[in-house]
Protein backbone atom coordinates (compact mmCIF):
# COMPACT_ATOMS: atom_id res chain seq x y z
CA MET A 1 137.98 217.56 132.26
CA PHE A 2 138.05 213.94 131.30
CA SER A 3 141.15 211.89 132.50
CA THR A 4 142.20 208.33 132.93
CA ARG A 5 144.37 206.68 135.53
CA SER A 6 146.26 203.37 134.97
CA GLY A 7 149.32 201.47 136.13
CA LEU A 8 150.15 200.95 139.84
CA ASP A 9 147.97 202.69 142.27
CA ASP A 10 150.68 203.37 144.97
CA ALA A 11 153.60 204.01 142.61
CA ALA A 12 155.20 207.29 141.71
CA PRO A 13 152.64 209.15 139.61
CA VAL A 14 153.33 210.58 136.18
CA LEU A 15 151.04 213.17 134.59
CA LEU A 16 151.13 213.33 130.72
CA LEU A 17 149.94 216.54 128.97
CA HIS A 18 149.20 216.42 125.26
CA GLY A 19 149.68 219.21 122.68
CA GLY A 20 147.10 221.34 121.02
CA GLY A 21 145.08 219.72 118.42
CA VAL A 22 145.59 216.24 119.61
CA ALA A 23 144.47 214.40 122.81
CA GLY A 24 145.53 212.01 125.50
CA TRP A 25 145.72 209.30 122.89
CA MET A 26 149.09 210.64 121.75
CA TRP A 27 150.64 209.14 124.86
CA ASP A 28 149.36 205.61 124.21
CA SER A 29 152.81 204.21 123.69
CA LEU A 30 154.44 205.99 126.68
CA ARG A 31 151.42 205.19 128.81
CA GLY A 32 151.97 201.40 128.23
CA THR A 33 155.69 201.76 128.88
CA LEU A 34 155.18 203.48 132.26
CA GLU A 35 152.23 201.45 133.60
CA PRO A 36 154.30 198.57 135.00
CA CYS A 37 156.03 200.89 137.40
CA HIS A 38 154.01 204.10 137.72
CA ALA A 39 150.63 205.51 138.33
CA VAL A 40 149.78 207.21 134.96
CA LEU A 41 147.35 210.08 134.69
CA VAL A 42 146.37 211.14 131.17
CA PRO A 43 143.81 213.99 130.81
CA ASP A 44 142.18 215.24 127.69
CA LEU A 45 142.74 218.97 128.10
CA PRO A 46 139.59 221.16 127.85
CA GLY A 47 138.22 221.44 124.22
CA HIS A 48 140.15 218.30 123.14
CA GLY A 49 139.12 214.75 122.68
CA ARG A 50 136.76 213.53 125.38
CA SER A 51 136.83 216.94 126.97
CA ALA A 52 135.59 218.64 123.71
CA GLY A 53 132.38 219.74 125.38
CA GLU A 54 134.27 221.92 127.75
CA SER A 55 135.83 224.93 125.93
CA TYR A 56 139.49 225.82 126.60
CA VAL A 57 139.45 229.11 128.40
CA SER A 58 143.01 229.90 129.33
CA HIS A 59 146.30 228.39 130.49
CA ALA A 60 145.63 229.69 134.02
CA GLU A 61 142.26 227.97 134.29
CA THR A 62 143.71 224.68 132.85
CA VAL A 63 146.63 224.68 135.30
CA ALA A 64 144.18 225.23 138.14
CA ALA A 65 142.17 222.24 136.95
CA LEU A 66 145.36 220.19 136.71
CA SER A 67 146.45 220.96 140.18
CA GLN A 68 143.02 219.86 141.41
CA LEU A 69 143.29 216.62 139.50
CA LEU A 70 146.72 215.91 141.16
CA VAL A 71 145.40 216.69 144.65
CA ALA A 72 142.26 214.55 144.18
CA THR A 73 143.90 211.53 142.50
CA VAL A 74 147.45 211.36 144.12
CA PRO A 75 147.25 213.35 147.29
CA GLY A 76 150.59 213.95 149.01
CA ARG A 77 152.59 212.42 146.10
CA PRO A 78 154.33 214.88 143.84
CA ALA A 79 154.14 213.85 140.14
CA THR A 80 156.54 213.77 137.22
CA VAL A 81 154.88 215.98 134.58
CA ILE A 82 155.62 215.33 130.94
CA GLY A 83 154.15 217.88 128.45
CA PHE A 84 154.34 218.36 124.72
CA SER A 85 154.00 221.73 122.98
CA LEU A 86 150.83 223.31 124.57
CA GLY A 87 151.15 220.67 127.28
CA ALA A 88 154.76 221.54 127.83
CA GLN A 89 153.80 225.22 128.58
CA LEU A 90 151.20 223.89 130.99
CA ALA A 91 153.85 221.67 132.67
CA ILE A 92 156.11 224.69 133.16
CA ARG A 93 153.29 226.73 134.69
CA LEU A 94 152.26 223.83 136.92
CA ALA A 95 155.73 223.40 138.23
CA SER A 96 156.15 227.13 138.70
CA GLU A 97 152.88 227.75 140.44
CA HIS A 98 152.45 224.45 142.34
CA PRO A 99 155.92 223.13 142.98
CA GLU A 100 154.61 221.11 145.95
CA LEU A 101 152.69 218.99 143.39
CA VAL A 102 155.50 218.45 140.92
CA SER A 103 158.68 216.42 141.53
CA GLN A 104 160.21 216.67 138.09
CA VAL A 105 159.32 217.89 134.53
CA ILE A 106 160.06 216.87 130.97
CA VAL A 107 159.38 219.77 128.66
CA VAL A 108 159.03 218.78 124.97
CA SER A 109 158.95 221.42 122.31
CA ALA A 110 157.60 224.38 124.29
CA GLN A 111 157.45 227.86 122.90
CA ALA A 112 158.60 230.26 125.54
CA GLN A 113 158.87 233.61 123.74
CA ALA A 114 155.77 235.60 122.94
CA MET A 115 155.12 236.17 119.32
CA PRO A 116 154.30 239.58 117.81
CA PHE A 117 151.12 240.23 115.82
CA THR A 118 149.20 237.55 117.88
CA ASN A 119 145.88 239.09 117.06
CA VAL A 120 146.52 238.91 113.30
CA THR A 121 147.42 235.25 113.63
CA LEU A 122 144.24 234.59 115.63
CA ARG A 123 142.08 236.33 113.14
CA ALA A 124 143.60 234.12 110.36
CA LEU A 125 142.96 231.05 112.56
CA GLY A 126 139.39 232.04 113.05
CA VAL A 127 138.85 232.20 109.29
CA ALA A 128 140.51 228.81 108.83
CA ALA A 129 138.78 227.05 111.90
CA PRO A 130 135.97 225.54 109.85
CA LEU A 131 138.52 223.80 107.64
CA ALA A 132 139.66 221.65 110.68
CA ARG A 133 136.42 219.53 110.09
CA ARG A 134 137.61 218.80 106.50
CA ARG A 135 139.48 215.44 106.34
CA TRP A 136 141.96 216.78 103.68
CA PHE A 137 142.90 219.84 105.80
CA ALA A 138 143.35 217.63 108.94
CA LYS A 139 145.70 215.45 107.03
CA LEU A 140 147.73 218.39 105.99
CA GLN A 141 147.97 219.64 109.67
CA ALA A 142 148.78 216.06 110.67
CA ARG A 143 152.03 216.25 108.73
CA GLU A 144 153.30 219.19 110.80
CA LEU A 145 152.89 216.94 113.95
CA PHE A 146 154.25 213.84 112.22
CA ILE A 147 151.06 211.94 113.22
CA PRO A 148 151.75 208.26 112.35
CA PRO A 149 149.24 206.42 110.07
CA HIS A 150 147.79 204.22 112.85
CA LEU A 151 146.85 207.33 114.80
CA MET A 152 145.39 209.33 111.84
CA ALA A 153 141.79 208.39 112.46
CA GLU A 154 141.99 209.62 116.12
CA TYR A 155 143.66 212.89 115.01
CA ILE A 156 140.97 213.63 112.40
CA ARG A 157 138.29 212.92 115.03
CA THR A 158 139.97 215.08 117.52
CA SER A 159 140.54 217.85 115.05
CA ALA A 160 136.92 217.93 113.96
CA GLY A 161 135.79 218.31 117.60
CA ILE A 162 137.79 221.38 118.31
CA THR A 163 135.58 224.56 118.41
CA LYS A 164 136.62 228.02 117.18
CA ALA A 165 136.42 229.28 120.81
CA THR A 166 138.91 226.56 121.99
CA LEU A 167 141.23 227.12 119.05
CA SER A 168 141.34 230.87 119.66
CA ALA A 169 141.87 230.55 123.46
CA ALA A 170 144.44 227.75 123.42
CA VAL A 171 146.51 229.18 120.47
CA GLY A 172 146.24 232.67 121.75
CA ASP A 173 147.75 231.68 125.23
CA ASN A 174 150.20 229.54 123.40
CA LEU A 175 151.50 232.45 121.26
CA ARG A 176 151.61 234.86 124.10
CA PHE A 177 153.39 232.44 126.53
CA GLU A 178 156.42 233.65 128.44
CA LEU A 179 158.31 231.88 131.21
CA PRO A 180 156.65 232.51 134.61
CA ALA A 181 158.93 233.88 137.34
CA GLY A 182 158.48 230.81 139.39
CA TRP A 183 160.21 228.65 136.87
CA SER A 184 163.67 229.82 138.01
CA ALA A 185 162.77 228.74 141.58
CA PHE A 186 161.64 225.19 140.81
CA ARG A 187 163.75 222.80 142.72
CA GLY A 188 162.86 219.60 140.96
CA ARG A 189 164.69 217.96 138.09
CA ALA A 190 163.87 219.16 134.57
CA LEU A 191 164.69 217.94 131.07
CA VAL A 192 164.07 220.25 128.06
CA MET A 193 163.84 218.65 124.71
CA VAL A 194 163.60 220.15 121.23
CA GLY A 195 163.96 218.78 117.66
CA ARG A 196 166.98 220.05 115.71
CA ARG A 197 164.67 220.50 112.67
CA GLU A 198 162.23 222.64 114.58
CA ARG A 199 161.87 226.40 113.87
CA ARG A 200 164.41 228.76 115.23
CA LEU A 201 161.99 230.11 117.70
CA MET A 202 161.47 226.67 119.19
CA ARG A 203 165.14 226.08 119.60
CA ASP A 204 165.65 229.55 121.04
CA SER A 205 162.84 228.73 123.46
CA ALA A 206 164.41 225.55 124.64
CA ASP A 207 167.63 227.50 125.27
CA ALA A 208 165.70 230.12 127.31
CA ILE A 209 163.81 227.49 129.33
CA HIS A 210 167.11 225.68 130.11
CA ALA A 211 169.02 228.91 130.88
CA ALA A 212 166.23 230.17 133.26
CA LEU A 213 166.48 227.01 135.49
CA PRO A 214 170.05 226.31 136.57
CA GLY A 215 170.62 222.59 136.83
CA SER A 216 168.15 221.63 134.14
CA GLU A 217 169.16 219.42 131.20
CA ARG A 218 168.74 220.44 127.54
CA SER A 219 168.52 217.76 124.88
CA ILE A 220 168.50 218.55 121.11
CA ILE A 221 167.13 215.65 119.09
CA ASP A 222 168.69 214.98 115.81
CA GLY A 223 166.33 214.21 112.84
CA CYS A 224 163.27 215.59 114.53
CA GLY A 225 160.90 218.42 114.00
CA HIS A 226 157.96 219.37 116.04
CA GLY A 227 156.40 216.26 117.37
CA ILE A 228 159.21 214.12 118.93
CA PRO A 229 156.97 211.63 120.80
CA LEU A 230 154.82 210.85 117.77
CA PRO A 231 157.19 209.82 115.01
CA ARG A 232 159.68 208.08 117.37
CA PRO A 233 157.62 206.66 120.20
CA GLU A 234 160.01 203.66 121.07
CA TRP A 235 163.01 205.97 121.17
CA PHE A 236 161.02 208.59 123.21
CA ASP A 237 159.84 206.01 125.65
CA ASP A 238 163.26 204.63 126.25
CA ARG A 239 164.64 208.10 126.71
CA VAL A 240 161.98 208.90 129.36
CA LEU A 241 162.57 205.69 131.26
CA HIS A 242 166.30 206.27 131.29
CA TRP A 243 165.87 209.74 132.64
CA LEU A 244 163.32 208.74 135.29
CA SER A 245 165.56 205.93 136.39
CA ALA A 246 168.48 208.22 136.84
CA ALA A 247 166.60 210.22 139.53
C-alpha cells in the first residue's frame, strides 16, 4: 500500500484516510495545513490511486495493513485518525481493534447501518463498472462527491484505475458495515461529522456512531452533502485544527 509521510518527524502523528473512488490527493489541503505541527501520513488505500495495482480485498485486511503502517512509521506514538466515507469506516475499525495505536478520531460521513439487498446493488455496480473509465460518467460521479474543478483530473484518473474487483469488495464491505463492538470501549476523543443535506441513512448513521460512544461529539454541517472536506476545504481545515488544539 503506497503512502506518504510529511511534516515534522517527531510531532504528533495524523493518519488521513480517503473515501472510495478517490485517493490520498483529496487531503492535499488538510495535509498542508497540518504539516507545520504534525507528522502526516497519507496512504492510497488498496485499489486506489498509486495503490491501484493492489486490489481492495476487505475492510479487515485494510485495517490490518493500516495498523502495520502506524507501527512501522510512528512506533509508540498513537495517531489521530481522520477518515472520510469509506475511510471513516476504516477509522472506526482501527480505533476499535487497535486502540493502542489511535489517540483520537474524526469520522466524516460514515455509513454505520448495513443496507438490505447488498447483492443486488453489487450486481448493478458490476454492470456499471466499465463506465468508470468513461470521462463523462466519472464527471457525473464527481458531482456526488462535490469534487472541485482543480481536482477533477485527479478524480478521473483515479476512477479509471479502479478495477471491478476493487469496486465490488470496497463497496460490498461499505454497504454491509456495522459498528464493531470495540467502538463503545474506545477511550480516545472522537468527533462525528455529517452534512445536513446527506441522505437520511447517513444522518442516522452519525447519530448511531455518536450514541454508541459516550463522550463523543457530533457535528451536523449546514449546507453540505456527502463530501464535506472537498467543497469546503478551508472551513474543514480550520475545524480540524480547532478540534485538535482543544485536546
